[in-house]
Each structure stands twice: as structure tokens, then as C-alpha cells.
Amino acid sequence: MAEQIYKICPREAWQEAERKGRFEGAAIDLADGYIHFSTADQARETAAKHFAGQDDLLLVAVETAALGDALRWEVSRGGALFPHLYGPLDMSAVSWVRPLPLGADGSHRFPEMKP
């Protein structure tokens, strides 16, 4: 499985998580009972499907090795395996956080991501 996974997050929600020292999830995560992540290959489709036209987003890179047994790979969209974290995300697992701006065409501009 992937060494690094990604969370698309509104800036305000992430800033709150940084103050707390952990990310407990966005509204959809709390409703579903786990934190949704995407792999590098899945992130663009996730942004287009769930965050279309939204600005002031961040892309959070997380090391899978730091998540332990709380990380599960489960079938989701189109039968693909998606990473789901059953528990809060501790800031020590975060590799980096970068802006996820909208381009002139309305799609998000992603930084380089590693699988």
C-alpha cells in the first residue's frame, strides 16, 4: 500500500486541529466514523468530486507507517481501496501541509505527491 496518503481539508478546520494537536475529522469524517484519505492517484478525483470550486483548502500529507492498526484500506468509489483512519490523526504523522489553490480553469492545483 501507499507510503503516504493525503487529506484535503479546509484551512480553518486544519488550523483548529493544529491548535488541538490532533485532527479529529471534518463533518463527513465524524458522520462516517473515520477520517477519509486518498492516495496520490486518488486525490485529484476526490477534489473534483467532493471539493469542486472550493478555495482555501489545504493538502495534508501523512505517513502511513505512523498510523498503525487504526489505518484500514477499504473498498469505496469504483471498487478502489481507500485509506480510512479509525481514530484521530496525531500531528506527528503529518509530513507536510500545502495550499491547494484553484487554477484559472476551476480545478485544484496539486503539489508534487509521492505514492
C-alpha atoms as a PDB file:
ATOM      1  CA  MET A   1       0.000   0.000   0.000  1.00  0.00           C
ATOM      2  CA  ALA A   2       0.961   3.643  -0.228  1.00  0.00           C
ATOM      3  CA  GLU A   3       3.684   5.110   1.976  1.00  0.00           C
ATOM      4  CA  GLN A   4       1.960   8.472   2.054  1.00  0.00           C
ATOM      5  CA  ILE A   5      -1.735   9.357   1.995  1.00  0.00           C
ATOM      6  CA  TYR A   6      -3.465  12.701   1.658  1.00  0.00           C
ATOM      7  CA  LYS A   7      -6.265  14.622   3.328  1.00  0.00           C
ATOM      8  CA  ILE A   8      -7.968  17.572   1.647  1.00  0.00           C
ATOM      9  CA  CYS A   9      -9.056  19.907   4.392  1.00  0.00           C
ATOM     10  CA  PRO A  10     -10.482  23.435   4.742  1.00  0.00           C
ATOM     11  CA  ARG A  11      -7.792  25.740   6.126  1.00  0.00           C
ATOM     12  CA  GLU A  12      -9.903  26.778   9.122  1.00  0.00           C
ATOM     13  CA  ALA A  13     -10.522  23.159  10.192  1.00  0.00           C
ATOM     14  CA  TRP A  14      -6.828  22.333   9.897  1.00  0.00           C
ATOM     15  CA  GLN A  15      -5.786  25.393  11.894  1.00  0.00           C
ATOM     16  CA  GLU A  16      -8.134  24.246  14.671  1.00  0.00           C
ATOM     17  CA  ALA A  17      -6.550  20.783  14.541  1.00  0.00           C
ATOM     18  CA  GLU A  18      -3.081  22.299  14.850  1.00  0.00           C
ATOM     19  CA  ARG A  19      -4.205  24.179  17.970  1.00  0.00           C
ATOM     20  CA  LYS A  20      -5.517  20.909  19.461  1.00  0.00           C
ATOM     21  CA  GLY A  21      -2.523  18.856  18.378  1.00  0.00           C
ATOM     22  CA  ARG A  22      -4.694  16.361  16.501  1.00  0.00           C
ATOM     23  CA  PHE A  23      -7.235  16.261  13.669  1.00  0.00           C
ATOM     24  CA  GLU A  24     -10.462  14.536  14.678  1.00  0.00           C
ATOM     25  CA  GLY A  25     -12.072  14.871  11.269  1.00  0.00           C
ATOM     26  CA  ALA A  26     -14.288  17.090   9.166  1.00  0.00           C
ATOM     27  CA  ALA A  27     -18.087  16.810   9.362  1.00  0.00           C
ATOM     28  CA  ILE A  28     -18.208  13.963   6.810  1.00  0.00           C
ATOM     29  CA  ASP A  29     -15.496  12.085   8.716  1.00  0.00           C
ATOM     30  CA  LEU A  30     -17.325  12.428  12.015  1.00  0.00           C
ATOM     31  CA  ALA A  31     -20.579  11.278  10.401  1.00  0.00           C
ATOM     32  CA  ASP A  32     -18.916   8.216   8.816  1.00  0.00           C
ATOM     33  CA  GLY A  33     -16.878   7.265  11.897  1.00  0.00           C
ATOM     34  CA  TYR A  34     -13.452   7.518  10.268  1.00  0.00           C
ATOM     35  CA  ILE A  35     -11.205  10.071   8.594  1.00  0.00           C
ATOM     36  CA  HIS A  36     -11.262   9.848   4.803  1.00  0.00           C
ATOM     37  CA  PHE A  37      -7.928   9.932   2.985  1.00  0.00           C
ATOM     38  CA  SER A  38      -6.838   9.475  -0.626  1.00  0.00           C
ATOM     39  CA  THR A  39      -3.716   8.116  -2.255  1.00  0.00           C
ATOM     40  CA  ALA A  40      -1.731  10.303  -4.651  1.00  0.00           C
ATOM     41  CA  ASP A  41      -3.577   8.649  -7.549  1.00  0.00           C
ATOM     42  CA  GLN A  42      -7.000   9.259  -5.961  1.00  0.00           C
ATOM     43  CA  ALA A  43      -6.561  12.822  -4.655  1.00  0.00           C
ATOM     44  CA  ARG A  44      -7.420  14.734  -7.842  1.00  0.00           C
ATOM     45  CA  GLU A  45     -10.651  12.811  -8.345  1.00  0.00           C
ATOM     46  CA  THR A  46     -11.540  13.299  -4.678  1.00  0.00           C
ATOM     47  CA  ALA A  47     -11.002  17.054  -5.022  1.00  0.00           C
ATOM     48  CA  ALA A  48     -13.143  17.226  -8.171  1.00  0.00           C
ATOM     49  CA  LYS A  49     -15.932  15.121  -6.688  1.00  0.00           C
ATOM     50  CA  HIS A  50     -16.124  16.464  -3.125  1.00  0.00           C
ATOM     51  CA  PHE A  51     -14.418  19.892  -3.188  1.00  0.00           C
ATOM     52  CA  ALA A  52     -15.275  21.313  -6.632  1.00  0.00           C
ATOM     53  CA  GLY A  53     -14.941  25.095  -6.697  1.00  0.00           C
ATOM     54  CA  GLN A  54     -13.863  25.312  -3.048  1.00  0.00           C
ATOM     55  CA  ASP A  55     -10.989  27.604  -2.287  1.00  0.00           C
ATOM     56  CA  ASP A  56      -8.871  27.992   0.861  1.00  0.00           C
ATOM     57  CA  LEU A  57      -8.156  24.273   1.074  1.00  0.00           C
ATOM     58  CA  LEU A  58      -5.017  22.535   2.270  1.00  0.00           C
ATOM     59  CA  LEU A  59      -3.474  19.258   1.208  1.00  0.00           C
ATOM     60  CA  VAL A  60      -2.100  17.313   4.168  1.00  0.00           C
ATOM     61  CA  ALA A  61       0.454  14.537   3.558  1.00  0.00           C
ATOM     62  CA  VAL A  62       0.524  11.760   6.138  1.00  0.00           C
ATOM     63  CA  GLU A  63       2.984   8.887   6.598  1.00  0.00           C
ATOM     64  CA  THR A  64       1.042   5.613   6.679  1.00  0.00           C
ATOM     65  CA  ALA A  65       3.663   3.873   8.841  1.00  0.00           C
ATOM     66  CA  ALA A  66       2.879   6.286  11.686  1.00  0.00           C
ATOM     67  CA  LEU A  67      -0.827   5.348  11.779  1.00  0.00           C
ATOM     68  CA  GLY A  68      -0.607   1.723  12.881  1.00  0.00           C
ATOM     69  CA  ASP A  69      -3.661  -0.509  13.045  1.00  0.00           C
ATOM     70  CA  ALA A  70      -6.068   2.450  13.041  1.00  0.00           C
ATOM     71  CA  LEU A  71      -5.480   2.777   9.266  1.00  0.00           C
ATOM     72  CA  ARG A  72      -7.617   0.448   7.168  1.00  0.00           C
ATOM     73  CA  TRP A  73      -7.812   0.070   3.395  1.00  0.00           C
ATOM     74  CA  GLU A  74     -11.464  -0.322   2.416  1.00  0.00           C
ATOM     75  CA  VAL A  75     -13.378  -0.643  -0.832  1.00  0.00           C
ATOM     76  CA  SER A  76     -15.049   2.596  -1.875  1.00  0.00           C
ATOM     77  CA  ARG A  77     -15.589   4.561  -5.095  1.00  0.00           C
ATOM     78  CA  GLY A  78     -15.468   2.287  -8.127  1.00  0.00           C
ATOM     79  CA  GLY A  79     -14.241  -0.672  -6.103  1.00  0.00           C
ATOM     80  CA  ALA A  80     -10.906   1.016  -5.321  1.00  0.00           C
ATOM     81  CA  LEU A  81      -9.271   0.656  -1.920  1.00  0.00           C
ATOM     82  CA  PHE A  82      -9.251   3.922   0.012  1.00  0.00           C
ATOM     83  CA  PRO A  83      -7.376   4.653   3.243  1.00  0.00           C
ATOM     84  CA  HIS A  84      -9.606   5.295   6.272  1.00  0.00           C
ATOM     85  CA  LEU A  85      -8.288   6.241   9.703  1.00  0.00           C
ATOM     86  CA  TYR A  86     -10.337   4.993  12.642  1.00  0.00           C
ATOM     87  CA  GLY A  87      -9.246   7.476  15.264  1.00  0.00           C
ATOM     88  CA  PRO A  88      -7.754  10.959  15.442  1.00  0.00           C
ATOM     89  CA  LEU A  89      -4.794  11.983  13.316  1.00  0.00           C
ATOM     90  CA  ASP A  90      -1.862  12.932  15.511  1.00  0.00           C
ATOM     91  CA  MET A  91       0.235  15.803  14.160  1.00  0.00           C
ATOM     92  CA  SER A  92       3.395  13.698  14.476  1.00  0.00           C
ATOM     93  CA  ALA A  93       2.213  11.600  11.482  1.00  0.00           C
ATOM     94  CA  VAL A  94       1.968  14.659   9.212  1.00  0.00           C
ATOM     95  CA  SER A  95       4.814  15.096   6.697  1.00  0.00           C
ATOM     96  CA  TRP A  96       3.728  18.414   5.253  1.00  0.00           C
ATOM     97  CA  VAL A  97       0.779  20.757   4.674  1.00  0.00           C
ATOM     98  CA  ARG A  98       0.484  22.798   1.473  1.00  0.00           C
ATOM     99  CA  PRO A  99      -2.133  25.094  -0.069  1.00  0.00           C
ATOM    100  CA  LEU A 100      -4.480  23.553  -2.633  1.00  0.00           C
ATOM    101  CA  PRO A 101      -5.422  26.566  -4.762  1.00  0.00           C
ATOM    102  CA  LEU A 102      -7.903  26.724  -7.613  1.00  0.00           C
ATOM    103  CA  GLY A 103      -6.495  27.262 -11.081  1.00  0.00           C
ATOM    104  CA  ALA A 104      -7.995  29.533 -13.734  1.00  0.00           C
ATOM    105  CA  ASP A 105      -9.966  26.566 -15.083  1.00  0.00           C
ATOM    106  CA  GLY A 106     -11.578  25.961 -11.670  1.00  0.00           C
ATOM    107  CA  SER A 107      -9.683  22.754 -10.884  1.00  0.00           C
ATOM    108  CA  HIS A 108      -7.327  22.417  -7.934  1.00  0.00           C
ATOM    109  CA  ARG A 109      -3.577  22.755  -8.469  1.00  0.00           C
ATOM    110  CA  PHE A 110      -1.796  19.945  -6.651  1.00  0.00           C
ATOM    111  CA  PRO A 111       1.814  19.989  -5.470  1.00  0.00           C
ATOM    112  CA  GLU A 112       4.030  17.013  -6.234  1.00  0.00           C
ATOM    113  CA  MET A 113       2.869  13.966  -4.272  1.00  0.00           C
ATOM    114  CA  LYS A 114       4.621  10.678  -3.668  1.00  0.00           C
ATOM    115  CA  PRO A 115       2.741   7.388  -3.668  1.00  0.00           C
END
